Amino acid sequence: MRRVAKPRPCSPEPTQDEIREYAYQLYVQGGCVPGRDLENWREAESFLHAKILREQEHARAHSRARD
């Protein structure tokens, strides 16, 4: 069975929950160092934003290839 990804909104913005979850992963990966909340948040936001843009570009390229 093939897994189908959930459709994303047109806007390349990650949700607050996605950012929060990824920022927490960064916090844990970084050794749970306190005081880096904003840095982890911004890094998560930037990473997820770029990921969404890549996914949208991939979908557009795949769509064009089928046409």
PDB file of N, CA and C in Angstrom:
ATOM      1  N   MET A   1       0.844  -1.180   0.000  1.00  0.00           N
ATOM      2  CA  MET A   1       0.000   0.000   0.000  1.00  0.00           C
ATOM      3  C   MET A   1       0.887   1.240   0.000  1.00  0.00           C
ATOM      4  N   ARG A   2       0.590   2.154  -0.860  1.00  0.00           N
ATOM      5  CA  ARG A   2       1.368   3.376  -0.981  1.00  0.00           C
ATOM      6  C   ARG A   2       0.844   4.449  -0.033  1.00  0.00           C
ATOM      7  N   ARG A   3       1.750   5.070   0.675  1.00  0.00           N
ATOM      8  CA  ARG A   3       1.367   6.119   1.626  1.00  0.00           C
ATOM      9  C   ARG A   3       1.234   7.442   0.892  1.00  0.00           C
ATOM     10  N   VAL A   4       0.153   8.132   1.131  1.00  0.00           N
ATOM     11  CA  VAL A   4      -0.101   9.419   0.495  1.00  0.00           C
ATOM     12  C   VAL A   4       0.092  10.518   1.524  1.00  0.00           C
ATOM     13  N   ALA A   5       0.917  11.495   1.165  1.00  0.00           N
ATOM     14  CA  ALA A   5       1.180  12.611   2.075  1.00  0.00           C
ATOM     15  C   ALA A   5      -0.044  13.505   2.169  1.00  0.00           C
ATOM     16  N   LYS A   6      -0.220  14.096   3.342  1.00  0.00           N
ATOM     17  CA  LYS A   6      -1.311  15.049   3.523  1.00  0.00           C
ATOM     18  C   LYS A   6      -1.039  16.278   2.676  1.00  0.00           C
ATOM     19  N   PRO A   7      -2.063  16.802   2.015  1.00  0.00           N
ATOM     20  CA  PRO A   7      -1.834  18.023   1.242  1.00  0.00           C
ATOM     21  C   PRO A   7      -1.508  19.188   2.162  1.00  0.00           C
ATOM     22  N   ARG A   8      -0.590  20.018   1.730  1.00  0.00           N
ATOM     23  CA  ARG A   8      -0.188  21.187   2.501  1.00  0.00           C
ATOM     24  C   ARG A   8      -0.913  22.408   1.963  1.00  0.00           C
ATOM     25  N   PRO A   9      -1.074  23.408   2.788  1.00  0.00           N
ATOM     26  CA  PRO A   9      -1.624  24.654   2.275  1.00  0.00           C
ATOM     27  C   PRO A   9      -0.666  25.258   1.244  1.00  0.00           C
ATOM     28  N   CYS A  10      -1.174  26.156   0.429  1.00  0.00           N
ATOM     29  CA  CYS A  10      -0.351  26.776  -0.613  1.00  0.00           C
ATOM     30  C   CYS A  10       0.788  27.598  -0.027  1.00  0.00           C
ATOM     31  N   SER A  11       0.593  28.132   1.137  1.00  0.00           N
ATOM     32  CA  SER A  11       1.612  28.953   1.772  1.00  0.00           C
ATOM     33  C   SER A  11       2.752  28.081   2.286  1.00  0.00           C
ATOM     34  N   PRO A  12       3.998  28.460   1.981  1.00  0.00           N
ATOM     35  CA  PRO A  12       5.129  27.651   2.435  1.00  0.00           C
ATOM     36  C   PRO A  12       5.521  27.944   3.877  1.00  0.00           C
ATOM     37  N   GLU A  13       4.563  27.988   4.756  1.00  0.00           N
ATOM     38  CA  GLU A  13       4.836  28.285   6.156  1.00  0.00           C
ATOM     39  C   GLU A  13       4.546  27.056   7.012  1.00  0.00           C
ATOM     40  N   PRO A  14       5.504  26.644   7.819  1.00  0.00           N
ATOM     41  CA  PRO A  14       5.244  25.530   8.729  1.00  0.00           C
ATOM     42  C   PRO A  14       4.281  25.960   9.834  1.00  0.00           C
ATOM     43  N   THR A  15       3.578  24.998  10.404  1.00  0.00           N
ATOM     44  CA  THR A  15       2.656  25.316  11.499  1.00  0.00           C
ATOM     45  C   THR A  15       3.451  25.532  12.786  1.00  0.00           C
ATOM     46  N   GLN A  16       2.820  26.156  13.759  1.00  0.00           N
ATOM     47  CA  GLN A  16       3.442  26.366  15.063  1.00  0.00           C
ATOM     48  C   GLN A  16       3.796  25.025  15.706  1.00  0.00           C
ATOM     49  N   ASP A  17       2.905  24.040  15.554  1.00  0.00           N
ATOM     50  CA  ASP A  17       3.165  22.719  16.128  1.00  0.00           C
ATOM     51  C   ASP A  17       4.371  22.050  15.470  1.00  0.00           C
ATOM     52  N   GLU A  18       4.489  22.160  14.153  1.00  0.00           N
ATOM     53  CA  GLU A  18       5.638  21.580  13.454  1.00  0.00           C
ATOM     54  C   GLU A  18       6.940  22.222  13.927  1.00  0.00           C
ATOM     55  N   ILE A  19       6.920  23.538  14.052  1.00  0.00           N
ATOM     56  CA  ILE A  19       8.109  24.255  14.514  1.00  0.00           C
ATOM     57  C   ILE A  19       8.455  23.833  15.939  1.00  0.00           C
ATOM     58  N   ARG A  20       7.449  23.795  16.791  1.00  0.00           N
ATOM     59  CA  ARG A  20       7.666  23.433  18.195  1.00  0.00           C
ATOM     60  C   ARG A  20       8.277  22.036  18.310  1.00  0.00           C
ATOM     61  N   GLU A  21       7.735  21.077  17.563  1.00  0.00           N
ATOM     62  CA  GLU A  21       8.242  19.704  17.621  1.00  0.00           C
ATOM     63  C   GLU A  21       9.691  19.626  17.132  1.00  0.00           C
ATOM     64  N   TYR A  22       9.985  20.320  16.040  1.00  0.00           N
ATOM     65  CA  TYR A  22      11.341  20.258  15.498  1.00  0.00           C
ATOM     66  C   TYR A  22      12.323  21.012  16.403  1.00  0.00           C
ATOM     67  N   ALA A  23      11.893  22.132  16.953  1.00  0.00           N
ATOM     68  CA  ALA A  23      12.755  22.877  17.876  1.00  0.00           C
ATOM     69  C   ALA A  23      13.076  22.021  19.102  1.00  0.00           C
ATOM     70  N   TYR A  24      12.107  21.243  19.561  1.00  0.00           N
ATOM     71  CA  TYR A  24      12.358  20.356  20.702  1.00  0.00           C
ATOM     72  C   TYR A  24      13.365  19.274  20.320  1.00  0.00           C
ATOM     73  N   GLN A  25      13.250  18.735  19.109  1.00  0.00           N
ATOM     74  CA  GLN A  25      14.226  17.751  18.633  1.00  0.00           C
ATOM     75  C   GLN A  25      15.631  18.359  18.627  1.00  0.00           C
ATOM     76  N   LEU A  26      15.736  19.607  18.161  1.00  0.00           N
ATOM     77  CA  LEU A  26      17.038  20.286  18.152  1.00  0.00           C
ATOM     78  C   LEU A  26      17.566  20.468  19.574  1.00  0.00           C
ATOM     79  N   TYR A  27      16.671  20.802  20.482  1.00  0.00           N
ATOM     80  CA  TYR A  27      17.041  20.974  21.892  1.00  0.00           C
ATOM     81  C   TYR A  27      17.624  19.673  22.452  1.00  0.00           C
ATOM     82  N   VAL A  28      16.950  18.570  22.194  1.00  0.00           N
ATOM     83  CA  VAL A  28      17.406  17.273  22.688  1.00  0.00           C
ATOM     84  C   VAL A  28      18.719  16.876  22.012  1.00  0.00           C
ATOM     85  N   GLN A  29      18.781  17.043  20.693  1.00  0.00           N
ATOM     86  CA  GLN A  29      20.005  16.695  19.957  1.00  0.00           C
ATOM     87  C   GLN A  29      21.195  17.543  20.410  1.00  0.00           C
ATOM     88  N   GLY A  30      20.916  18.756  20.851  1.00  0.00           N
ATOM     89  CA  GLY A  30      21.969  19.653  21.304  1.00  0.00           C
ATOM     90  C   GLY A  30      22.363  19.442  22.752  1.00  0.00           C
ATOM     91  N   GLY A  31      21.846  18.393  23.378  1.00  0.00           N
ATOM     92  CA  GLY A  31      22.224  18.087  24.757  1.00  0.00           C
ATOM     93  C   GLY A  31      21.372  18.759  25.808  1.00  0.00           C
ATOM     94  N   CYS A  32      20.187  19.209  25.437  1.00  0.00           N
ATOM     95  CA  CYS A  32      19.236  19.841  26.370  1.00  0.00           C
ATOM     96  C   CYS A  32      19.843  21.045  27.081  1.00  0.00           C
ATOM     97  N   VAL A  33      20.605  21.831  26.327  1.00  0.00           N
ATOM     98  CA  VAL A  33      21.236  23.029  26.881  1.00  0.00           C
ATOM     99  C   VAL A  33      20.168  24.129  27.012  1.00  0.00           C
ATOM    100  N   PRO A  34      19.971  24.635  28.227  1.00  0.00           N
ATOM    101  CA  PRO A  34      18.976  25.698  28.398  1.00  0.00           C
ATOM    102  C   PRO A  34      19.450  27.015  27.784  1.00  0.00           C
ATOM    103  N   GLY A  35      18.486  27.890  27.496  1.00  0.00           N
ATOM    104  CA  GLY A  35      18.805  29.226  27.006  1.00  0.00           C
ATOM    105  C   GLY A  35      18.961  29.336  25.503  1.00  0.00           C
ATOM    106  N   ARG A  36      18.682  28.270  24.767  1.00  0.00           N
ATOM    107  CA  ARG A  36      18.811  28.318  23.311  1.00  0.00           C
ATOM    108  C   ARG A  36      17.447  28.219  22.640  1.00  0.00           C
ATOM    109  N   ASP A  37      16.396  28.543  23.376  1.00  0.00           N
ATOM    110  CA  ASP A  37      15.031  28.395  22.876  1.00  0.00           C
ATOM    111  C   ASP A  37      14.819  29.129  21.553  1.00  0.00           C
ATOM    112  N   LEU A  38      15.164  30.396  21.547  1.00  0.00           N
ATOM    113  CA  LEU A  38      14.941  31.210  20.355  1.00  0.00           C
ATOM    114  C   LEU A  38      15.796  30.722  19.184  1.00  0.00           C
ATOM    115  N   GLU A  39      17.031  30.371  19.459  1.00  0.00           N
ATOM    116  CA  GLU A  39      17.913  29.852  18.411  1.00  0.00           C
ATOM    117  C   GLU A  39      17.346  28.557  17.818  1.00  0.00           C
ATOM    118  N   ASN A  40      16.902  27.637  18.692  1.00  0.00           N
ATOM    119  CA  ASN A  40      16.309  26.389  18.209  1.00  0.00           C
ATOM    120  C   ASN A  40      15.032  26.658  17.413  1.00  0.00           C
ATOM    121  N   TRP A  41      14.218  27.580  17.895  1.00  0.00           N
ATOM    122  CA  TRP A  41      12.966  27.920  17.209  1.00  0.00           C
ATOM    123  C   TRP A  41      13.254  28.456  15.807  1.00  0.00           C
ATOM    124  N   ARG A  42      14.175  29.407  15.721  1.00  0.00           N
ATOM    125  CA  ARG A  42      14.495  30.010  14.419  1.00  0.00           C
ATOM    126  C   ARG A  42      15.107  28.997  13.455  1.00  0.00           C
ATOM    127  N   GLU A  43      15.965  28.121  13.976  1.00  0.00           N
ATOM    128  CA  GLU A  43      16.557  27.090  13.126  1.00  0.00           C
ATOM    129  C   GLU A  43      15.477  26.124  12.630  1.00  0.00           C
ATOM    130  N   ALA A  44      14.565  25.735  13.508  1.00  0.00           N
ATOM    131  CA  ALA A  44      13.469  24.842  13.122  1.00  0.00           C
ATOM    132  C   ALA A  44      12.573  25.508  12.083  1.00  0.00           C
ATOM    133  N   GLU A  45      12.237  26.753  12.312  1.00  0.00           N
ATOM    134  CA  GLU A  45      11.383  27.497  11.391  1.00  0.00           C
ATOM    135  C   GLU A  45      12.029  27.590  10.007  1.00  0.00           C
ATOM    136  N   SER A  46      13.298  27.914   9.973  1.00  0.00           N
ATOM    137  CA  SER A  46      14.023  28.043   8.716  1.00  0.00           C
ATOM    138  C   SER A  46      14.116  26.705   7.989  1.00  0.00           C
ATOM    139  N   PHE A  47      14.467  25.656   8.719  1.00  0.00           N
ATOM    140  CA  PHE A  47      14.591  24.327   8.124  1.00  0.00           C
ATOM    141  C   PHE A  47      13.259  23.867   7.539  1.00  0.00           C
ATOM    142  N   LEU A  48      12.194  24.003   8.315  1.00  0.00           N
ATOM    143  CA  LEU A  48      10.879  23.532   7.857  1.00  0.00           C
ATOM    144  C   LEU A  48      10.354  24.358   6.690  1.00  0.00           C
ATOM    145  N   HIS A  49      10.611  25.647   6.702  1.00  0.00           N
ATOM    146  CA  HIS A  49      10.211  26.512   5.596  1.00  0.00           C
ATOM    147  C   HIS A  49      10.893  26.044   4.304  1.00  0.00           C
ATOM    148  N   ALA A  50      12.190  25.811   4.369  1.00  0.00           N
ATOM    149  CA  ALA A  50      12.937  25.345   3.192  1.00  0.00           C
ATOM    150  C   ALA A  50      12.443  23.971   2.743  1.00  0.00           C
ATOM    151  N   LYS A  51      12.133  23.109   3.697  1.00  0.00           N
ATOM    152  CA  LYS A  51      11.636  21.765   3.367  1.00  0.00           C
ATOM    153  C   LYS A  51      10.314  21.847   2.609  1.00  0.00           C
ATOM    154  N   ILE A  52       9.429  22.707   3.051  1.00  0.00           N
ATOM    155  CA  ILE A  52       8.137  22.872   2.384  1.00  0.00           C
ATOM    156  C   ILE A  52       8.342  23.392   0.967  1.00  0.00           C
ATOM    157  N   LEU A  53       9.231  24.362   0.799  1.00  0.00           N
ATOM    158  CA  LEU A  53       9.511  24.887  -0.533  1.00  0.00           C
ATOM    159  C   LEU A  53      10.053  23.796  -1.453  1.00  0.00           C
ATOM    160  N   ARG A  54      10.958  22.956  -0.928  1.00  0.00           N
ATOM    161  CA  ARG A  54      11.498  21.844  -1.735  1.00  0.00           C
ATOM    162  C   ARG A  54      10.399  20.870  -2.129  1.00  0.00           C
ATOM    163  N   GLU A  55       9.513  20.556  -1.191  1.00  0.00           N
ATOM    164  CA  GLU A  55       8.415  19.628  -1.476  1.00  0.00           C
ATOM    165  C   GLU A  55       7.481  20.204  -2.529  1.00  0.00           C
ATOM    166  N   GLN A  56       7.185  21.490  -2.441  1.00  0.00           N
ATOM    167  CA  GLN A  56       6.305  22.116  -3.424  1.00  0.00           C
ATOM    168  C   GLN A  56       6.959  22.137  -4.802  1.00  0.00           C
ATOM    169  N   GLU A  57       8.249  22.416  -4.855  1.00  0.00           N
ATOM    170  CA  GLU A  57       8.953  22.429  -6.138  1.00  0.00           C
ATOM    171  C   GLU A  57       9.003  21.028  -6.729  1.00  0.00           C
ATOM    172  N   HIS A  58       9.222  20.042  -5.900  1.00  0.00           N
ATOM    173  CA  HIS A  58       9.236  18.660  -6.366  1.00  0.00           C
ATOM    174  C   HIS A  58       7.865  18.277  -6.934  1.00  0.00           C
ATOM    175  N   ALA A  59       6.808  18.676  -6.248  1.00  0.00           N
ATOM    176  CA  ALA A  59       5.454  18.369  -6.719  1.00  0.00           C
ATOM    177  C   ALA A  59       5.180  19.056  -8.049  1.00  0.00           C
ATOM    178  N   ARG A  60       5.617  20.308  -8.184  1.00  0.00           N
ATOM    179  CA  ARG A  60       5.414  21.032  -9.459  1.00  0.00           C
ATOM    180  C   ARG A  60       6.193  20.363 -10.583  1.00  0.00           C
ATOM    181  N   ALA A  61       7.434  19.969 -10.318  1.00  0.00           N
ATOM    182  CA  ALA A  61       8.251  19.316 -11.336  1.00  0.00           C
ATOM    183  C   ALA A  61       7.645  17.977 -11.727  1.00  0.00           C
ATOM    184  N   HIS A  62       7.145  17.243 -10.764  1.00  0.00           N
ATOM    185  CA  HIS A  62       6.514  15.958 -11.032  1.00  0.00           C
ATOM    186  C   HIS A  62       5.239  16.149 -11.856  1.00  0.00           C
ATOM    187  N   SER A  63       4.500  17.187 -11.525  1.00  0.00           N
ATOM    188  CA  SER A  63       3.268  17.494 -12.264  1.00  0.00           C
ATOM    189  C   SER A  63       3.572  17.865 -13.708  1.00  0.00           C
ATOM    190  N   ARG A  64       4.611  18.681 -13.902  1.00  0.00           N
ATOM    191  CA  ARG A  64       4.999  19.088 -15.269  1.00  0.00           C
ATOM    192  C   ARG A  64       5.490  17.894 -16.071  1.00  0.00           C
ATOM    193  N   ALA A  65       6.176  16.971 -15.422  1.00  0.00           N
ATOM    194  CA  ALA A  65       6.720  15.785 -16.110  1.00  0.00           C
ATOM    195  C   ALA A  65       5.595  14.892 -16.615  1.00  0.00           C
ATOM    196  N   ARG A  66       4.468  14.894 -15.913  1.00  0.00           N
ATOM    197  CA  ARG A  66       3.336  14.061 -16.336  1.00  0.00           C
ATOM    198  C   ARG A  66       2.556  14.700 -17.466  1.00  0.00           C
ATOM    199  N   ASP A  67       2.691  16.001 -17.649  1.00  0.00           N
ATOM    200  CA  ASP A  67       1.926  16.704 -18.704  1.00  0.00           C
ATOM    201  C   ASP A  67       2.506  16.504 -20.066  1.00  0.00           C
TER     202      ASP A  67
END
